[in-house]
Amino acid sequence: MVYYEQYFDIGEAIAREKQIKAGSRQKKIDLINSFNREWRDLFDQL
C-alpha cells in the first residue's frame, strides 16, 4: 500500500474513493507522489 486516507464516516470514505477512481491515472500518480514520493510500503504505519 502506497497511499491511504482515513475517515470516521463511511459515507465520506466511499465518496472519496469514487472521486479518486474517477480520476485519470496521472492524477492518481500525482496524489501518491504528493503523499509518498518514494512509494514506500505504508502498511506498517496503519
PDB file of N, CA and C in Angstrom:
ATOM      1  N   MET A   1       0.853  -1.164   0.000  1.00  0.00           N
ATOM      2  CA  MET A   1       0.000   0.000   0.000  1.00  0.00           C
ATOM      3  C   MET A   1       0.900   1.228   0.000  1.00  0.00           C
ATOM      4  N   VAL A   2       0.659   2.126  -0.940  1.00  0.00           N
ATOM      5  CA  VAL A   2       1.492   3.314  -1.045  1.00  0.00           C
ATOM      6  C   VAL A   2       0.735   4.610  -0.757  1.00  0.00           C
ATOM      7  N   TYR A   3      -0.586   4.492  -0.541  1.00  0.00           N
ATOM      8  CA  TYR A   3      -1.391   5.679  -0.263  1.00  0.00           C
ATOM      9  C   TYR A   3      -2.634   5.270   0.523  1.00  0.00           C
ATOM     10  N   TYR A   4      -3.040   6.099   1.457  1.00  0.00           N
ATOM     11  CA  TYR A   4      -4.300   5.875   2.154  1.00  0.00           C
ATOM     12  C   TYR A   4      -4.811   7.181   2.745  1.00  0.00           C
ATOM     13  N   GLU A   5      -6.093   7.200   2.997  1.00  0.00           N
ATOM     14  CA  GLU A   5      -6.732   8.315   3.693  1.00  0.00           C
ATOM     15  C   GLU A   5      -7.625   7.699   4.759  1.00  0.00           C
ATOM     16  N   GLN A   6      -7.727   8.332   5.901  1.00  0.00           N
ATOM     17  CA  GLN A   6      -8.575   7.836   6.980  1.00  0.00           C
ATOM     18  C   GLN A   6      -9.805   8.714   7.122  1.00  0.00           C
ATOM     19  N   TYR A   7     -10.933   8.057   7.308  1.00  0.00           N
ATOM     20  CA  TYR A   7     -12.202   8.749   7.527  1.00  0.00           C
ATOM     21  C   TYR A   7     -12.936   8.085   8.680  1.00  0.00           C
ATOM     22  N   PHE A   8     -13.682   8.857   9.432  1.00  0.00           N
ATOM     23  CA  PHE A   8     -14.505   8.322  10.508  1.00  0.00           C
ATOM     24  C   PHE A   8     -15.914   8.016  10.012  1.00  0.00           C
ATOM     25  N   ASP A   9     -16.297   8.636   8.917  1.00  0.00           N
ATOM     26  CA  ASP A   9     -17.621   8.442   8.352  1.00  0.00           C
ATOM     27  C   ASP A   9     -17.517   7.611   7.073  1.00  0.00           C
ATOM     28  N   ILE A  10     -18.181   6.475   7.025  1.00  0.00           N
ATOM     29  CA  ILE A  10     -18.092   5.571   5.885  1.00  0.00           C
ATOM     30  C   ILE A  10     -18.612   6.227   4.605  1.00  0.00           C
ATOM     31  N   GLY A  11     -19.619   7.070   4.734  1.00  0.00           N
ATOM     32  CA  GLY A  11     -20.159   7.763   3.564  1.00  0.00           C
ATOM     33  C   GLY A  11     -19.129   8.668   2.913  1.00  0.00           C
ATOM     34  N   GLU A  12     -18.375   9.384   3.739  1.00  0.00           N
ATOM     35  CA  GLU A  12     -17.322  10.250   3.218  1.00  0.00           C
ATOM     36  C   GLU A  12     -16.227   9.426   2.558  1.00  0.00           C
ATOM     37  N   ALA A  13     -15.878   8.305   3.173  1.00  0.00           N
ATOM     38  CA  ALA A  13     -14.834   7.438   2.628  1.00  0.00           C
ATOM     39  C   ALA A  13     -15.233   6.881   1.265  1.00  0.00           C
ATOM     40  N   ILE A  14     -16.467   6.447   1.144  1.00  0.00           N
ATOM     41  CA  ILE A  14     -16.946   5.897  -0.121  1.00  0.00           C
ATOM     42  C   ILE A  14     -16.990   6.980  -1.201  1.00  0.00           C
ATOM     43  N   ALA A  15     -17.440   8.167  -0.828  1.00  0.00           N
ATOM     44  CA  ALA A  15     -17.490   9.278  -1.786  1.00  0.00           C
ATOM     45  C   ALA A  15     -16.082   9.631  -2.270  1.00  0.00           C
ATOM     46  N   ARG A  16     -15.123   9.658  -1.351  1.00  0.00           N
ATOM     47  CA  ARG A  16     -13.747   9.972  -1.731  1.00  0.00           C
ATOM     48  C   ARG A  16     -13.161   8.877  -2.621  1.00  0.00           C
ATOM     49  N   GLU A  17     -13.443   7.623  -2.317  1.00  0.00           N
ATOM     50  CA  GLU A  17     -12.952   6.525  -3.138  1.00  0.00           C
ATOM     51  C   GLU A  17     -13.488   6.637  -4.569  1.00  0.00           C
ATOM     52  N   LYS A  18     -14.762   6.960  -4.705  1.00  0.00           N
ATOM     53  CA  LYS A  18     -15.345   7.130  -6.035  1.00  0.00           C
ATOM     54  C   LYS A  18     -14.706   8.304  -6.774  1.00  0.00           C
ATOM     55  N   GLN A  19     -14.421   9.371  -6.034  1.00  0.00           N
ATOM     56  CA  GLN A  19     -13.778  10.538  -6.637  1.00  0.00           C
ATOM     57  C   GLN A  19     -12.386  10.181  -7.152  1.00  0.00           C
ATOM     58  N   ILE A  20     -11.627   9.439  -6.371  1.00  0.00           N
ATOM     59  CA  ILE A  20     -10.284   9.046  -6.776  1.00  0.00           C
ATOM     60  C   ILE A  20     -10.354   8.105  -7.973  1.00  0.00           C
ATOM     61  N   LYS A  21     -11.244   7.123  -7.918  1.00  0.00           N
ATOM     62  CA  LYS A  21     -11.366   6.154  -9.016  1.00  0.00           C
ATOM     63  C   LYS A  21     -11.776   6.818 -10.326  1.00  0.00           C
ATOM     64  N   ALA A  22     -12.514   7.902 -10.259  1.00  0.00           N
ATOM     65  CA  ALA A  22     -12.968   8.590 -11.461  1.00  0.00           C
ATOM     66  C   ALA A  22     -11.867   9.422 -12.109  1.00  0.00           C
ATOM     67  N   GLY A  23     -10.801   9.675 -11.377  1.00  0.00           N
ATOM     68  CA  GLY A  23      -9.715  10.492 -11.899  1.00  0.00           C
ATOM     69  C   GLY A  23      -8.831   9.737 -12.877  1.00  0.00           C
ATOM     70  N   SER A  24      -8.024  10.477 -13.576  1.00  0.00           N
ATOM     71  CA  SER A  24      -7.103   9.868 -14.539  1.00  0.00           C
ATOM     72  C   SER A  24      -5.964   9.166 -13.798  1.00  0.00           C
ATOM     73  N   ARG A  25      -5.286   8.288 -14.498  1.00  0.00           N
ATOM     74  CA  ARG A  25      -4.140   7.590 -13.926  1.00  0.00           C
ATOM     75  C   ARG A  25      -3.083   8.595 -13.457  1.00  0.00           C
ATOM     76  N   GLN A  26      -2.857   9.641 -14.244  1.00  0.00           N
ATOM     77  CA  GLN A  26      -1.855  10.632 -13.883  1.00  0.00           C
ATOM     78  C   GLN A  26      -2.233  11.367 -12.599  1.00  0.00           C
ATOM     79  N   LYS A  27      -3.514  11.664 -12.410  1.00  0.00           N
ATOM     80  CA  LYS A  27      -3.952  12.322 -11.175  1.00  0.00           C
ATOM     81  C   LYS A  27      -3.710  11.418  -9.968  1.00  0.00           C
ATOM     82  N   LYS A  28      -3.921  10.116 -10.145  1.00  0.00           N
ATOM     83  CA  LYS A  28      -3.675   9.166  -9.062  1.00  0.00           C
ATOM     84  C   LYS A  28      -2.189   9.101  -8.734  1.00  0.00           C
ATOM     85  N   ILE A  29      -1.354   9.088  -9.758  1.00  0.00           N
ATOM     86  CA  ILE A  29       0.098   9.075  -9.552  1.00  0.00           C
ATOM     87  C   ILE A  29       0.535  10.348  -8.849  1.00  0.00           C
ATOM     88  N   ASP A  30       0.010  11.478  -9.270  1.00  0.00           N
ATOM     89  CA  ASP A  30       0.337  12.760  -8.626  1.00  0.00           C
ATOM     90  C   ASP A  30      -0.096  12.778  -7.168  1.00  0.00           C
ATOM     91  N   LEU A  31      -1.259  12.194  -6.873  1.00  0.00           N
ATOM     92  CA  LEU A  31      -1.751  12.127  -5.497  1.00  0.00           C
ATOM     93  C   LEU A  31      -0.803  11.292  -4.638  1.00  0.00           C
ATOM     94  N   ILE A  32      -0.384  10.152  -5.139  1.00  0.00           N
ATOM     95  CA  ILE A  32       0.561   9.303  -4.409  1.00  0.00           C
ATOM     96  C   ILE A  32       1.877  10.036  -4.214  1.00  0.00           C
ATOM     97  N   ASN A  33       2.385  10.665  -5.261  1.00  0.00           N
ATOM     98  CA  ASN A  33       3.655  11.383  -5.157  1.00  0.00           C
ATOM     99  C   ASN A  33       3.602  12.523  -4.151  1.00  0.00           C
ATOM    100  N   SER A  34       2.452  13.160  -4.008  1.00  0.00           N
ATOM    101  CA  SER A  34       2.343  14.259  -3.045  1.00  0.00           C
ATOM    102  C   SER A  34       2.350  13.740  -1.610  1.00  0.00           C
ATOM    103  N   PHE A  35       1.948  12.500  -1.415  1.00  0.00           N
ATOM    104  CA  PHE A  35       1.843  11.896  -0.086  1.00  0.00           C
ATOM    105  C   PHE A  35       3.045  11.011   0.242  1.00  0.00           C
ATOM    106  N   ASN A  36       3.593  10.351  -0.778  1.00  0.00           N
ATOM    107  CA  ASN A  36       4.626   9.334  -0.560  1.00  0.00           C
ATOM    108  C   ASN A  36       5.531   9.282  -1.782  1.00  0.00           C
ATOM    109  N   ARG A  37       6.397  10.253  -1.910  1.00  0.00           N
ATOM    110  CA  ARG A  37       7.236  10.398  -3.103  1.00  0.00           C
ATOM    111  C   ARG A  37       8.092   9.158  -3.384  1.00  0.00           C
ATOM    112  N   GLU A  38       8.516   8.456  -2.367  1.00  0.00           N
ATOM    113  CA  GLU A  38       9.377   7.286  -2.555  1.00  0.00           C
ATOM    114  C   GLU A  38       8.580   6.012  -2.827  1.00  0.00           C
ATOM    115  N   TRP A  39       7.269   6.085  -2.769  1.00  0.00           N
ATOM    116  CA  TRP A  39       6.372   4.947  -2.974  1.00  0.00           C
ATOM    117  C   TRP A  39       6.719   3.808  -1.996  1.00  0.00           C
ATOM    118  N   ARG A  40       7.029   4.192  -0.750  1.00  0.00           N
ATOM    119  CA  ARG A  40       7.300   3.185   0.296  1.00  0.00           C
ATOM    120  C   ARG A  40       6.027   2.449   0.663  1.00  0.00           C
ATOM    121  N   ASP A  41       6.162   1.214   1.090  1.00  0.00           N
ATOM    122  CA  ASP A  41       5.018   0.436   1.584  1.00  0.00           C
ATOM    123  C   ASP A  41       4.604   1.008   2.933  1.00  0.00           C
ATOM    124  N   LEU A  42       3.372   1.475   3.049  1.00  0.00           N
ATOM    125  CA  LEU A  42       2.894   2.153   4.249  1.00  0.00           C
ATOM    126  C   LEU A  42       2.061   1.263   5.160  1.00  0.00           C
ATOM    127  N   PHE A  43       1.936  -0.004   4.841  1.00  0.00           N
ATOM    128  CA  PHE A  43       1.067  -0.890   5.599  1.00  0.00           C
ATOM    129  C   PHE A  43       1.384  -0.889   7.085  1.00  0.00           C
ATOM    130  N   ASP A  44       2.661  -0.918   7.446  1.00  0.00           N
ATOM    131  CA  ASP A  44       3.050  -0.973   8.845  1.00  0.00           C
ATOM    132  C   ASP A  44       2.732   0.310   9.611  1.00  0.00           C
ATOM    133  N   GLN A  45       2.420   1.384   8.917  1.00  0.00           N
ATOM    134  CA  GLN A  45       2.119   2.651   9.581  1.00  0.00           C
ATOM    135  C   GLN A  45       0.648   2.796   9.964  1.00  0.00           C
ATOM    136  N   LEU A  46      -0.169   1.849   9.582  1.00  0.00           N
ATOM    137  CA  LEU A  46      -1.602   1.953   9.893  1.00  0.00           C
ATOM    138  C   LEU A  46      -1.887   1.809  11.354  1.00  0.00           C
TER     139      LEU A  46
END
